[in-house]
Each structure stands twice: as structure tokens, then as C-alpha cells.
Amino acid sequence: MSSIKAREDERAGAEIVYGTEECYRHSIELLEELGFPKGVLPLQDLEECGRVRETGFVWMRQRAPYEHFFEGTNTRVSYEAEVTAYVEKFKMKKMTGVKSKQMFLWVPISEMSIEDASSNKIHFKTPMGIGKSFPITAFMTDEEKHKYLDMKANE
């Protein structure tokens, strides 16, 4: 019972959107606002998304768990039916519902961040503090990659 109360408290005052199209638009806007590429959270069939601006708490609920293979990192990632995090510019922390397959084990991802925008890397951490970085382009949509590469070519 106390976990239900804590969950309600955590979501108090939230802006909530429902439906696949509204949730997709909301999730893309959130990623852009935080400075992350649009493809870093490829959730499917979203039903509910919420955000508590005062605390930075967000959640995204999809119809069913989903696995995605990121070719650019050669990594399989599992997303539970609900993914939660506390967000701020260039950072998602205290994440739940995201796991990465490393060798034969599923490892929870508790944080992702872009520590230095000029480094062009996204850093992922486990609850044990172990981390790994990947090129930001590995999580960009094709449209984002083209814009990014054109911008780099013109520098």
C-alpha cells in the first residue's frame, strides 16, 4: 500500500497526456528540450506520458515491454511497459524500466547523460556506477544525422 501512496505522491501535480500520437509528440519534445537525440528512447505504442516539472519526474507507459537493437552501438536494450526518470538538461537519472544486454546479462540502466556537448558522446550508467559512452550519432534519427553531419561539414 505504501508504494502506491509513494507513486501517487511522486506524480502529484503532473502534466499527463494520453494516446499514441500525443505521447509520441510529448516524448520527442521532452528529448529535444533535454538535449538528447530523438532515437535514444524508441518506445512503442505509448499510452500515457507524464511530467512533474517541479521535481523533474517523468514517466512513459507503453502498451507492452519492448526490445530494441541499436545498430550503431551493437547493443540490445529492453524497455519495460513503464519507464521513469528524473530529468534535467542533458541528464536522466534514477531511471527505471531500462536494461541493456551485456554479454549474457541484462544490466539495468539508471542514468544517461551528455556531460560535454562538444564531446558528442552519451554516457550510460548502471546502479553500481559502472558506465559506458557511445557516439551521440548512434541514437539519432536519420533526419537528425543528416542535419548533424551537414553542420559538421560546414564547420
N, C-alpha and C. Protein backbone atom coordinates (compact mmCIF):
# COMPACT_ATOMS: atom_id res chain seq x y z
N MET A 1 0.81 -1.19 0.00
CA MET A 1 0.00 0.00 0.00
C MET A 1 0.86 1.26 0.00
N SER A 2 1.96 1.25 0.75
CA SER A 2 2.80 2.44 0.83
C SER A 2 3.45 2.76 -0.51
N SER A 3 3.72 1.74 -1.35
CA SER A 3 4.32 2.01 -2.66
C SER A 3 3.32 2.71 -3.58
N ILE A 4 2.05 2.39 -3.44
CA ILE A 4 1.02 3.07 -4.24
C ILE A 4 0.93 4.53 -3.82
N LYS A 5 0.96 4.79 -2.51
CA LYS A 5 0.92 6.16 -1.99
C LYS A 5 2.14 6.95 -2.45
N ALA A 6 3.32 6.32 -2.38
CA ALA A 6 4.55 6.98 -2.84
C ALA A 6 4.46 7.31 -4.31
N ARG A 7 3.91 6.39 -5.11
CA ARG A 7 3.76 6.61 -6.55
C ARG A 7 2.82 7.78 -6.82
N GLU A 8 1.72 7.84 -6.06
CA GLU A 8 0.78 8.95 -6.22
C GLU A 8 1.44 10.27 -5.84
N ASP A 9 2.20 10.28 -4.75
CA ASP A 9 2.90 11.49 -4.32
C ASP A 9 3.90 11.95 -5.37
N GLU A 10 4.62 10.99 -5.94
CA GLU A 10 5.64 11.29 -6.94
C GLU A 10 5.02 11.94 -8.18
N ARG A 11 3.78 11.58 -8.47
CA ARG A 11 3.10 12.07 -9.68
C ARG A 11 2.15 13.23 -9.43
N ALA A 12 2.07 13.69 -8.20
CA ALA A 12 1.17 14.80 -7.86
C ALA A 12 1.54 16.05 -8.65
N GLY A 13 0.55 16.69 -9.23
CA GLY A 13 0.77 17.92 -9.99
C GLY A 13 1.31 17.69 -11.39
N ALA A 14 1.24 16.46 -11.87
CA ALA A 14 1.80 16.12 -13.18
C ALA A 14 0.96 16.63 -14.35
N GLU A 15 1.65 16.95 -15.44
CA GLU A 15 1.00 17.19 -16.73
C GLU A 15 0.96 15.81 -17.37
N ILE A 16 -0.22 15.31 -17.74
CA ILE A 16 -0.34 13.96 -18.29
C ILE A 16 -1.01 14.03 -19.65
N VAL A 17 -0.46 13.28 -20.61
CA VAL A 17 -1.07 13.15 -21.93
C VAL A 17 -1.34 11.67 -22.19
N TYR A 18 -2.39 11.42 -22.99
CA TYR A 18 -2.80 10.05 -23.30
C TYR A 18 -2.89 9.87 -24.80
N GLY A 19 -2.70 8.63 -25.24
CA GLY A 19 -2.84 8.30 -26.65
C GLY A 19 -1.50 8.26 -27.35
N THR A 20 -1.41 7.37 -28.32
CA THR A 20 -0.15 7.11 -29.01
C THR A 20 0.46 8.36 -29.63
N GLU A 21 -0.32 9.11 -30.41
CA GLU A 21 0.22 10.27 -31.12
C GLU A 21 0.63 11.39 -30.16
N GLU A 22 -0.23 11.70 -29.19
CA GLU A 22 0.08 12.76 -28.23
C GLU A 22 1.30 12.39 -27.39
N CYS A 23 1.37 11.13 -26.95
CA CYS A 23 2.51 10.69 -26.14
C CYS A 23 3.80 10.70 -26.95
N TYR A 24 3.74 10.28 -28.20
CA TYR A 24 4.93 10.30 -29.05
C TYR A 24 5.44 11.74 -29.20
N ARG A 25 4.52 12.66 -29.51
CA ARG A 25 4.90 14.07 -29.67
C ARG A 25 5.49 14.60 -28.36
N HIS A 26 4.86 14.28 -27.25
CA HIS A 26 5.33 14.72 -25.93
C HIS A 26 6.73 14.18 -25.64
N SER A 27 6.97 12.90 -25.93
CA SER A 27 8.28 12.29 -25.64
C SER A 27 9.38 12.90 -26.51
N ILE A 28 9.09 13.18 -27.77
CA ILE A 28 10.08 13.79 -28.67
C ILE A 28 10.39 15.22 -28.21
N GLU A 29 9.36 15.97 -27.83
CA GLU A 29 9.58 17.33 -27.32
C GLU A 29 10.43 17.32 -26.06
N LEU A 30 10.18 16.34 -25.19
CA LEU A 30 10.96 16.23 -23.96
C LEU A 30 12.43 15.94 -24.27
N LEU A 31 12.69 14.98 -25.15
CA LEU A 31 14.07 14.64 -25.51
C LEU A 31 14.78 15.85 -26.11
N GLU A 32 14.10 16.57 -27.00
CA GLU A 32 14.70 17.77 -27.61
C GLU A 32 15.00 18.83 -26.55
N GLU A 33 14.06 19.05 -25.64
CA GLU A 33 14.24 20.05 -24.58
C GLU A 33 15.44 19.71 -23.69
N LEU A 34 15.64 18.41 -23.44
CA LEU A 34 16.74 17.97 -22.58
C LEU A 34 18.07 17.90 -23.31
N GLY A 35 18.04 17.97 -24.65
CA GLY A 35 19.27 17.94 -25.43
C GLY A 35 19.68 16.55 -25.90
N PHE A 36 18.76 15.58 -25.83
CA PHE A 36 19.05 14.22 -26.28
C PHE A 36 18.56 14.00 -27.70
N PRO A 37 19.22 13.08 -28.43
CA PRO A 37 18.71 12.76 -29.76
C PRO A 37 17.36 12.04 -29.67
N LYS A 38 16.54 12.18 -30.69
CA LYS A 38 15.17 11.65 -30.68
C LYS A 38 15.12 10.13 -30.61
N GLY A 39 16.15 9.45 -31.05
CA GLY A 39 16.12 7.99 -31.11
C GLY A 39 16.61 7.28 -29.86
N VAL A 40 16.95 8.00 -28.81
CA VAL A 40 17.55 7.36 -27.63
C VAL A 40 16.51 6.59 -26.80
N LEU A 41 15.25 6.93 -26.90
CA LEU A 41 14.17 6.19 -26.23
C LEU A 41 13.13 5.78 -27.26
N PRO A 42 13.40 4.71 -28.01
CA PRO A 42 12.49 4.32 -29.10
C PRO A 42 11.29 3.51 -28.59
N LEU A 43 10.49 4.10 -27.73
CA LEU A 43 9.36 3.40 -27.14
C LEU A 43 8.25 3.22 -28.17
N GLN A 44 7.47 2.16 -28.00
CA GLN A 44 6.43 1.80 -28.96
C GLN A 44 5.05 1.85 -28.31
N ASP A 45 4.04 2.20 -29.08
CA ASP A 45 2.65 2.16 -28.62
C ASP A 45 2.46 2.82 -27.25
N LEU A 46 2.93 4.04 -27.12
CA LEU A 46 2.78 4.77 -25.86
C LEU A 46 1.31 5.03 -25.57
N GLU A 47 0.94 4.86 -24.30
CA GLU A 47 -0.45 5.08 -23.89
C GLU A 47 -0.58 6.28 -22.95
N GLU A 48 0.46 6.51 -22.15
CA GLU A 48 0.40 7.60 -21.16
C GLU A 48 1.80 8.14 -20.92
N CYS A 49 1.90 9.46 -20.87
CA CYS A 49 3.17 10.12 -20.55
C CYS A 49 2.86 11.22 -19.54
N GLY A 50 3.73 11.36 -18.56
CA GLY A 50 3.51 12.39 -17.56
C GLY A 50 4.81 13.06 -17.16
N ARG A 51 4.65 14.28 -16.65
CA ARG A 51 5.81 15.05 -16.22
C ARG A 51 5.42 15.96 -15.07
N VAL A 52 6.23 15.93 -14.02
CA VAL A 52 6.06 16.84 -12.90
C VAL A 52 7.21 17.84 -13.01
N ARG A 53 6.94 19.01 -13.52
CA ARG A 53 8.00 19.99 -13.77
C ARG A 53 8.75 20.40 -12.50
N GLU A 54 8.04 20.50 -11.38
CA GLU A 54 8.68 20.94 -10.13
C GLU A 54 9.79 20.00 -9.68
N THR A 55 9.59 18.68 -9.87
CA THR A 55 10.57 17.70 -9.40
C THR A 55 11.42 17.11 -10.52
N GLY A 56 10.97 17.27 -11.76
CA GLY A 56 11.68 16.67 -12.89
C GLY A 56 11.30 15.23 -13.14
N PHE A 57 10.31 14.71 -12.41
CA PHE A 57 9.90 13.31 -12.59
C PHE A 57 9.09 13.16 -13.87
N VAL A 58 9.44 12.15 -14.67
CA VAL A 58 8.70 11.82 -15.89
C VAL A 58 8.43 10.32 -15.95
N TRP A 59 7.37 9.96 -16.65
CA TRP A 59 7.13 8.55 -16.93
C TRP A 59 6.50 8.43 -18.31
N MET A 60 6.75 7.28 -18.92
CA MET A 60 6.19 6.95 -20.21
C MET A 60 5.72 5.50 -20.13
N ARG A 61 4.44 5.30 -20.37
CA ARG A 61 3.88 3.96 -20.30
C ARG A 61 3.50 3.50 -21.71
N GLN A 62 4.03 2.34 -22.08
CA GLN A 62 3.70 1.77 -23.38
C GLN A 62 2.82 0.53 -23.18
N ARG A 63 2.15 0.12 -24.24
CA ARG A 63 1.19 -0.98 -24.15
C ARG A 63 1.83 -2.26 -23.64
N ALA A 64 3.09 -2.52 -24.03
CA ALA A 64 3.78 -3.76 -23.65
C ALA A 64 5.28 -3.48 -23.62
N PRO A 65 6.04 -4.32 -22.93
CA PRO A 65 7.51 -4.17 -22.96
C PRO A 65 8.01 -4.25 -24.40
N TYR A 66 9.18 -3.68 -24.64
CA TYR A 66 9.72 -3.60 -26.00
C TYR A 66 11.23 -3.75 -25.95
N GLU A 67 11.77 -4.49 -26.90
CA GLU A 67 13.22 -4.60 -27.06
C GLU A 67 13.64 -3.94 -28.36
N HIS A 68 14.77 -3.24 -28.30
CA HIS A 68 15.27 -2.52 -29.48
C HIS A 68 16.76 -2.83 -29.64
N PHE A 69 17.18 -3.02 -30.87
CA PHE A 69 18.60 -3.23 -31.15
C PHE A 69 19.15 -1.96 -31.79
N PHE A 70 20.15 -1.35 -31.12
CA PHE A 70 20.81 -0.17 -31.65
C PHE A 70 22.00 -0.63 -32.48
N GLU A 71 21.89 -0.51 -33.80
CA GLU A 71 22.97 -0.95 -34.68
C GLU A 71 24.25 -0.17 -34.45
N GLY A 72 24.13 1.13 -34.19
CA GLY A 72 25.30 1.99 -34.02
C GLY A 72 26.15 1.65 -32.81
N THR A 73 25.57 0.93 -31.84
CA THR A 73 26.31 0.54 -30.64
C THR A 73 26.40 -0.98 -30.50
N ASN A 74 25.72 -1.70 -31.40
CA ASN A 74 25.65 -3.15 -31.34
C ASN A 74 25.11 -3.61 -29.98
N THR A 75 24.05 -2.94 -29.53
CA THR A 75 23.50 -3.18 -28.20
C THR A 75 22.00 -3.43 -28.26
N ARG A 76 21.55 -4.43 -27.52
CA ARG A 76 20.11 -4.69 -27.37
C ARG A 76 19.66 -4.06 -26.06
N VAL A 77 18.54 -3.32 -26.12
CA VAL A 77 18.01 -2.64 -24.94
C VAL A 77 16.56 -3.06 -24.76
N SER A 78 16.20 -3.32 -23.51
CA SER A 78 14.85 -3.71 -23.15
C SER A 78 14.18 -2.57 -22.40
N TYR A 79 12.95 -2.25 -22.80
CA TYR A 79 12.17 -1.21 -22.15
C TYR A 79 10.93 -1.88 -21.55
N GLU A 80 10.75 -1.76 -20.23
CA GLU A 80 9.57 -2.31 -19.59
C GLU A 80 8.35 -1.51 -20.03
N ALA A 81 7.18 -1.97 -19.64
CA ALA A 81 5.94 -1.27 -20.02
C ALA A 81 5.93 0.16 -19.50
N GLU A 82 6.63 0.42 -18.38
CA GLU A 82 6.73 1.79 -17.88
C GLU A 82 8.19 2.15 -17.64
N VAL A 83 8.59 3.28 -18.18
CA VAL A 83 9.94 3.82 -18.00
C VAL A 83 9.80 5.12 -17.22
N THR A 84 10.60 5.29 -16.16
CA THR A 84 10.54 6.51 -15.36
C THR A 84 11.95 7.09 -15.21
N ALA A 85 12.00 8.38 -14.89
CA ALA A 85 13.28 9.05 -14.64
C ALA A 85 13.03 10.41 -14.03
N TYR A 86 14.10 10.97 -13.46
CA TYR A 86 14.12 12.37 -13.06
C TYR A 86 15.01 13.06 -14.08
N VAL A 87 14.52 14.15 -14.66
CA VAL A 87 15.23 14.76 -15.77
C VAL A 87 15.67 16.19 -15.48
N GLU A 88 16.75 16.55 -16.16
CA GLU A 88 17.25 17.92 -16.20
C GLU A 88 18.02 18.04 -17.51
N LYS A 89 18.41 19.21 -17.87
CA LYS A 89 19.11 19.42 -19.14
C LYS A 89 20.30 18.47 -19.24
N PHE A 90 20.38 17.71 -20.32
CA PHE A 90 21.45 16.77 -20.63
C PHE A 90 21.56 15.60 -19.65
N LYS A 91 20.50 15.31 -18.88
CA LYS A 91 20.61 14.20 -17.92
C LYS A 91 19.25 13.59 -17.61
N MET A 92 19.23 12.24 -17.54
CA MET A 92 18.12 11.48 -16.99
C MET A 92 18.73 10.61 -15.91
N LYS A 93 18.22 10.72 -14.68
CA LYS A 93 18.79 9.96 -13.56
C LYS A 93 17.68 9.21 -12.83
N LYS A 94 18.08 8.29 -11.96
CA LYS A 94 17.15 7.43 -11.23
C LYS A 94 16.17 6.76 -12.19
N MET A 95 16.69 6.34 -13.34
CA MET A 95 15.86 5.70 -14.36
C MET A 95 15.41 4.32 -13.90
N THR A 96 14.19 3.95 -14.27
CA THR A 96 13.70 2.59 -14.07
C THR A 96 13.09 2.11 -15.37
N GLY A 97 13.09 0.80 -15.56
CA GLY A 97 12.44 0.22 -16.73
C GLY A 97 13.30 0.09 -17.96
N VAL A 98 14.62 0.35 -17.85
CA VAL A 98 15.52 0.25 -19.00
C VAL A 98 16.68 -0.68 -18.64
N LYS A 99 16.91 -1.67 -19.51
CA LYS A 99 18.03 -2.59 -19.30
C LYS A 99 18.76 -2.80 -20.61
N SER A 100 20.07 -2.99 -20.51
CA SER A 100 20.92 -3.22 -21.67
C SER A 100 21.52 -4.61 -21.56
N LYS A 101 21.54 -5.33 -22.67
CA LYS A 101 22.12 -6.67 -22.64
C LYS A 101 23.62 -6.57 -22.87
N GLN A 102 24.38 -7.02 -21.87
CA GLN A 102 25.83 -7.02 -21.93
C GLN A 102 26.29 -8.47 -21.78
N MET A 103 26.90 -9.00 -22.79
CA MET A 103 27.27 -10.41 -22.83
C MET A 103 25.98 -11.23 -22.69
N PHE A 104 25.83 -11.95 -21.59
CA PHE A 104 24.63 -12.78 -21.39
C PHE A 104 23.72 -12.24 -20.31
N LEU A 105 24.00 -11.06 -19.81
CA LEU A 105 23.24 -10.49 -18.70
C LEU A 105 22.49 -9.23 -19.11
N TRP A 106 21.30 -9.05 -18.51
CA TRP A 106 20.56 -7.80 -18.65
C TRP A 106 20.97 -6.89 -17.50
N VAL A 107 21.51 -5.74 -17.82
CA VAL A 107 22.03 -4.79 -16.83
C VAL A 107 21.12 -3.57 -16.79
N PRO A 108 20.62 -3.20 -15.60
CA PRO A 108 19.77 -2.00 -15.53
C PRO A 108 20.56 -0.74 -15.84
N ILE A 109 19.91 0.18 -16.53
CA ILE A 109 20.49 1.50 -16.82
C ILE A 109 19.79 2.48 -15.88
N SER A 110 20.57 3.18 -15.05
CA SER A 110 19.97 4.09 -14.09
C SER A 110 20.17 5.56 -14.45
N GLU A 111 21.07 5.82 -15.39
CA GLU A 111 21.33 7.21 -15.74
C GLU A 111 21.88 7.30 -17.16
N MET A 112 21.48 8.36 -17.84
CA MET A 112 22.12 8.69 -19.12
C MET A 112 22.34 10.19 -19.13
N SER A 113 23.48 10.58 -19.69
CA SER A 113 23.82 12.00 -19.69
C SER A 113 24.72 12.34 -20.86
N ILE A 114 24.70 13.61 -21.19
CA ILE A 114 25.64 14.18 -22.15
C ILE A 114 26.44 15.17 -21.32
N GLU A 115 27.62 14.73 -20.90
CA GLU A 115 28.40 15.52 -19.94
C GLU A 115 29.07 16.73 -20.57
N ASP A 116 29.41 16.61 -21.84
CA ASP A 116 30.04 17.72 -22.55
C ASP A 116 29.50 17.69 -23.97
N ALA A 117 28.66 18.65 -24.30
CA ALA A 117 28.00 18.65 -25.61
C ALA A 117 29.00 18.61 -26.75
N SER A 118 30.18 19.18 -26.57
CA SER A 118 31.17 19.19 -27.65
C SER A 118 31.85 17.83 -27.82
N SER A 119 31.73 16.93 -26.84
CA SER A 119 32.36 15.61 -26.97
C SER A 119 31.54 14.68 -27.87
N ASN A 120 30.27 15.03 -28.09
CA ASN A 120 29.39 14.24 -28.94
C ASN A 120 29.23 12.81 -28.45
N LYS A 121 29.20 12.61 -27.13
CA LYS A 121 29.04 11.29 -26.53
C LYS A 121 27.88 11.29 -25.53
N ILE A 122 27.17 10.16 -25.47
CA ILE A 122 26.17 9.93 -24.44
C ILE A 122 26.75 8.89 -23.50
N HIS A 123 26.66 9.17 -22.21
CA HIS A 123 27.21 8.28 -21.19
C HIS A 123 26.05 7.61 -20.46
N PHE A 124 26.12 6.28 -20.33
CA PHE A 124 25.11 5.49 -19.63
C PHE A 124 25.74 4.89 -18.39
N LYS A 125 24.98 4.89 -17.27
CA LYS A 125 25.49 4.32 -16.02
C LYS A 125 24.53 3.29 -15.47
N THR A 126 25.10 2.30 -14.77
CA THR A 126 24.32 1.31 -14.05
C THR A 126 24.15 1.77 -12.60
N PRO A 127 23.28 1.12 -11.83
CA PRO A 127 23.15 1.49 -10.41
C PRO A 127 24.46 1.30 -9.63
N MET A 128 25.37 0.45 -10.11
CA MET A 128 26.66 0.25 -9.44
C MET A 128 27.68 1.33 -9.82
N GLY A 129 27.29 2.27 -10.70
CA GLY A 129 28.18 3.34 -11.09
C GLY A 129 29.08 3.03 -12.27
N ILE A 130 28.97 1.83 -12.80
CA ILE A 130 29.76 1.45 -13.97
C ILE A 130 29.11 2.08 -15.20
N GLY A 131 29.91 2.64 -16.07
CA GLY A 131 29.35 3.34 -17.21
C GLY A 131 30.02 3.02 -18.53
N LYS A 132 29.36 3.45 -19.58
CA LYS A 132 29.86 3.26 -20.93
C LYS A 132 29.38 4.43 -21.77
N SER A 133 30.23 4.91 -22.67
CA SER A 133 29.87 6.03 -23.54
C SER A 133 29.76 5.57 -24.98
N PHE A 134 28.87 6.22 -25.72
CA PHE A 134 28.68 5.93 -27.14
C PHE A 134 28.56 7.24 -27.90
N PRO A 135 28.87 7.22 -29.20
CA PRO A 135 28.68 8.43 -30.02
C PRO A 135 27.20 8.82 -30.04
N ILE A 136 26.95 10.10 -29.96
CA ILE A 136 25.58 10.61 -29.96
C ILE A 136 24.86 10.24 -31.26
N THR A 137 25.61 10.12 -32.34
CA THR A 137 25.01 9.80 -33.64
C THR A 137 24.37 8.41 -33.65
N ALA A 138 24.79 7.51 -32.76
CA ALA A 138 24.23 6.16 -32.71
C ALA A 138 22.75 6.18 -32.30
N PHE A 139 22.28 7.30 -31.73
CA PHE A 139 20.92 7.38 -31.22
C PHE A 139 20.09 8.43 -31.97
N MET A 140 20.65 8.97 -33.03
CA MET A 140 19.94 9.98 -33.81
C MET A 140 19.04 9.32 -34.85
N THR A 141 17.94 9.99 -35.15
CA THR A 141 17.11 9.57 -36.27
C THR A 141 17.87 9.91 -37.55
N ASP A 142 17.46 9.35 -38.67
CA ASP A 142 18.13 9.65 -39.94
C ASP A 142 18.12 11.15 -40.23
N GLU A 143 16.99 11.79 -39.96
CA GLU A 143 16.87 13.24 -40.19
C GLU A 143 17.88 14.01 -39.34
N GLU A 144 17.99 13.64 -38.06
CA GLU A 144 18.94 14.30 -37.17
C GLU A 144 20.38 14.08 -37.64
N LYS A 145 20.69 12.87 -38.07
CA LYS A 145 22.05 12.56 -38.54
C LYS A 145 22.44 13.42 -39.73
N HIS A 146 21.50 13.55 -40.70
CA HIS A 146 21.79 14.37 -41.88
C HIS A 146 22.07 15.82 -41.49
N LYS A 147 21.23 16.39 -40.61
CA LYS A 147 21.44 17.77 -40.16
C LYS A 147 22.77 17.90 -39.42
N TYR A 148 23.05 16.94 -38.56
CA TYR A 148 24.27 16.96 -37.75
C TYR A 148 25.51 16.87 -38.65
N LEU A 149 25.49 15.95 -39.61
CA LEU A 149 26.64 15.78 -40.49
C LEU A 149 26.82 16.98 -41.40
N ASP A 150 25.71 17.56 -41.87
CA ASP A 150 25.80 18.78 -42.69
C ASP A 150 26.41 19.92 -41.87
N MET A 151 26.00 20.05 -40.60
CA MET A 151 26.51 21.10 -39.72
C MET A 151 28.01 20.90 -39.51
N LYS A 152 28.43 19.66 -39.26
CA LYS A 152 29.86 19.36 -39.04
C LYS A 152 30.68 19.64 -40.30
N ALA A 153 30.10 19.34 -41.45
CA ALA A 153 30.81 19.57 -42.71
C ALA A 153 31.02 21.06 -42.97
N ASN A 154 30.10 21.89 -42.49
CA ASN A 154 30.18 23.33 -42.70
C ASN A 154 31.02 24.06 -41.66
N GLU A 155 31.53 23.33 -40.67
CA GLU A 155 32.35 23.99 -39.62
C GLU A 155 33.75 24.23 -40.11
